[in-house]
Amino acid sequence: MPLHIKAKKYKVTSLQSGFLVAIIVLFIDQGSKLLVTAQAEILRGGMPIFPGLNFVFIQNAGVSFGLFGFAPHLVLIIFGILICCILVIIIYKNNDLHHNISCGMIIGGALGNIIDRIRHGRVTDFIDVYVGQFHWPSFNMADVSIVTGAIILSFGEIFFKRKEATR
């Protein structure tokens, strides 16, 4: 008698998608920081990638883009954890894919920076964007994810809520 194995179709729910995105972002962030840290000596002086973009090795005491570098270490960790907890509650209470993916992006990025802060006391930044002599504060993949998630969440609130209100 042959053994029959039925292939199940797995459907990712909105809830699961938020947490899946958070995990993916966390792995991308931590993996990129691991690579950059391994090449720290080479990157300290900056490595041009193309005009307007360098890779550098910088450790930042603040949050995204060096903001709040004056804040105590423990306060930044607690604040990051608090934000993650609030976003997890939003994901659990919400069945909107757009909300949950954007919250997942913010959670994954925040956790990536929290892990750095706990392990190293600072956050590793390595993306240096510039125009001429003006350099934007260096940042990392966690920062990219946090900002992108916040923008998507904001645009969704503005445009999707308006669309629903006009119905």
Protein backbone atom coordinates (compact mmCIF):
# COMPACT_ATOMS: atom_id res chain seq x y z
CA MET A 1 0.00 0.00 0.00
CA PRO A 2 1.65 3.25 -1.14
CA LEU A 3 2.08 6.04 1.31
CA HIS A 4 0.22 9.14 0.16
CA ILE A 5 1.29 12.46 1.46
CA LYS A 6 -1.04 15.32 0.83
CA ALA A 7 0.58 18.64 0.28
CA LYS A 8 -1.11 21.26 2.37
CA LYS A 9 -1.43 24.75 1.05
CA TYR A 10 -0.22 27.10 3.72
CA LYS A 11 -1.87 30.44 3.83
CA VAL A 12 -0.04 33.16 5.71
CA THR A 13 -2.48 35.25 7.71
CA SER A 14 -2.21 38.98 8.23
CA LEU A 15 -1.14 38.31 11.82
CA GLN A 16 1.59 35.90 10.75
CA SER A 17 2.80 38.23 8.01
CA GLY A 18 3.60 40.97 10.53
CA PHE A 19 5.73 38.64 12.64
CA LEU A 20 7.33 37.04 9.56
CA VAL A 21 8.38 40.48 8.29
CA ALA A 22 9.80 41.33 11.74
CA ILE A 23 11.91 38.14 11.73
CA ILE A 24 13.16 38.74 8.17
CA VAL A 25 14.10 42.35 8.96
CA LEU A 26 15.87 41.25 12.14
CA PHE A 27 17.94 38.66 10.25
CA ILE A 28 18.83 41.11 7.46
CA ASP A 29 19.80 43.77 10.00
CA GLN A 30 21.88 41.52 12.23
CA GLY A 31 23.49 39.77 9.25
CA SER A 32 24.50 43.05 7.63
CA LYS A 33 25.90 44.36 10.92
CA LEU A 34 27.86 41.13 11.38
CA LEU A 35 29.43 41.55 7.94
CA VAL A 36 30.22 45.20 8.55
CA THR A 37 31.71 44.50 11.98
CA ALA A 38 33.93 41.79 10.46
CA GLN A 39 35.25 44.42 8.02
CA ALA A 40 35.44 47.24 10.58
CA GLU A 41 39.11 48.07 9.98
CA ILE A 42 38.58 48.44 6.23
CA LEU A 43 35.37 50.45 6.66
CA ARG A 44 36.57 52.90 9.32
CA GLY A 45 37.83 55.27 6.65
CA GLY A 46 34.84 54.63 4.42
CA MET A 47 34.49 52.53 1.28
CA PRO A 48 32.96 54.23 -1.76
CA ILE A 49 30.22 52.13 -3.35
CA PHE A 50 29.13 54.68 -5.95
CA PRO A 51 28.84 58.48 -5.97
CA GLY A 52 26.54 59.43 -3.12
CA LEU A 53 27.00 56.19 -1.14
CA ASN A 54 29.79 54.93 1.09
CA PHE A 55 29.95 52.05 3.52
CA VAL A 56 31.51 53.05 6.84
CA PHE A 57 31.87 51.55 10.30
CA ILE A 58 30.40 53.75 13.01
CA GLN A 59 29.00 52.89 16.40
CA ASN A 60 26.21 55.21 17.43
CA ALA A 61 24.95 55.81 20.98
CA GLY A 62 21.66 57.35 19.83
CA VAL A 63 18.60 56.01 18.04
CA SER A 64 17.86 56.28 14.32
CA PHE A 65 20.27 58.68 12.59
CA GLY A 66 22.06 59.44 15.87
CA LEU A 67 19.09 61.16 17.50
CA PHE A 68 18.92 61.18 21.32
CA GLY A 69 22.56 60.14 21.75
CA PHE A 70 22.47 61.94 25.11
CA ALA A 71 19.76 59.60 26.51
CA PRO A 72 20.81 56.95 29.05
CA HIS A 73 21.51 53.52 27.58
CA LEU A 74 18.86 51.70 29.63
CA VAL A 75 16.18 54.28 28.77
CA LEU A 76 16.72 53.68 25.04
CA ILE A 77 16.45 49.91 25.52
CA ILE A 78 13.26 50.20 27.59
CA PHE A 79 11.76 52.69 25.14
CA GLY A 80 12.51 50.34 22.21
CA ILE A 81 10.97 47.37 24.03
CA LEU A 82 7.90 49.43 24.91
CA ILE A 83 7.41 50.44 21.27
CA CYS A 84 7.75 46.80 20.19
CA CYS A 85 5.15 45.72 22.77
CA ILE A 86 2.68 48.36 21.59
CA LEU A 87 3.18 47.31 17.98
CA VAL A 88 2.70 43.63 18.85
CA ILE A 89 -0.64 44.55 20.46
CA ILE A 90 -1.59 46.49 17.31
CA ILE A 91 -0.75 43.45 15.18
CA TYR A 92 -2.82 41.15 17.39
CA LYS A 93 -5.82 43.49 17.36
CA ASN A 94 -5.62 44.27 13.67
CA ASN A 95 -6.40 42.12 10.68
CA ASP A 96 -5.06 44.55 8.10
CA LEU A 97 -2.13 43.28 6.06
CA HIS A 98 -0.81 46.79 5.42
CA HIS A 99 -0.78 47.64 9.14
CA ASN A 100 0.77 44.36 10.17
CA ILE A 101 3.57 44.39 7.60
CA SER A 102 4.51 47.97 8.43
CA CYS A 103 4.39 47.23 12.19
CA GLY A 104 6.52 44.13 11.54
CA MET A 105 9.10 46.29 9.75
CA ILE A 106 9.27 48.66 12.71
CA ILE A 107 9.44 45.81 15.25
CA GLY A 108 12.21 44.00 13.35
CA GLY A 109 14.26 47.18 13.03
CA ALA A 110 13.74 48.18 16.65
CA LEU A 111 14.72 44.71 17.87
CA GLY A 112 17.85 44.80 15.70
CA ASN A 113 18.97 48.05 17.30
CA ILE A 114 17.96 46.86 20.79
CA ILE A 115 20.11 43.74 20.34
CA ASP A 116 23.08 45.91 19.31
CA ARG A 117 22.56 48.20 22.27
CA ILE A 118 22.42 45.26 24.70
CA ARG A 119 25.41 43.44 23.17
CA HIS A 120 27.70 46.39 22.38
CA GLY A 121 26.28 49.37 24.25
CA ARG A 122 25.95 51.09 20.87
CA VAL A 123 24.32 50.54 17.49
CA THR A 124 26.41 49.72 14.42
CA ASP A 125 25.74 52.06 11.50
CA PHE A 126 27.32 51.64 8.09
CA ILE A 127 25.35 53.39 5.34
CA ASP A 128 26.69 56.84 4.51
CA VAL A 129 24.59 58.78 1.99
CA TYR A 130 25.90 62.12 0.78
CA VAL A 131 25.52 64.88 -1.78
CA GLY A 132 28.68 66.88 -2.37
CA GLN A 133 30.11 67.64 1.07
CA PHE A 134 26.79 67.12 2.88
CA HIS A 135 26.57 63.71 4.59
CA TRP A 136 23.31 62.44 6.04
CA PRO A 137 23.89 60.87 9.48
CA SER A 138 24.98 57.27 8.97
CA PHE A 139 22.37 54.56 9.46
CA ASN A 140 21.77 50.82 9.15
CA MET A 141 19.19 48.37 7.78
CA ALA A 142 17.17 48.54 11.02
CA ASP A 143 16.83 52.30 10.58
CA VAL A 144 15.79 51.83 6.95
CA SER A 145 13.14 49.35 8.03
CA ILE A 146 11.84 51.53 10.89
CA VAL A 147 11.52 54.60 8.68
CA THR A 148 10.01 52.66 5.77
CA GLY A 149 7.52 50.93 8.07
CA ALA A 150 6.52 54.26 9.63
CA ILE A 151 6.06 55.86 6.19
CA ILE A 152 3.95 52.95 4.93
CA LEU A 153 1.87 53.02 8.11
CA SER A 154 1.38 56.79 7.86
CA PHE A 155 0.46 56.77 4.17
CA GLY A 156 -1.93 53.91 4.77
CA GLU A 157 -3.62 55.81 7.56
CA ILE A 158 -3.91 58.95 5.47
CA PHE A 159 -4.98 57.45 2.15
CA PHE A 160 -6.84 54.27 3.12
CA LYS A 161 -8.76 55.93 5.94
CA ARG A 162 -9.85 58.73 3.59
CA LYS A 163 -10.96 56.20 1.01
CA GLU A 164 -12.98 54.30 3.65
CA ALA A 165 -14.49 57.55 4.96
CA THR A 166 -15.76 58.52 1.49
CA ARG A 167 -17.59 55.23 1.01
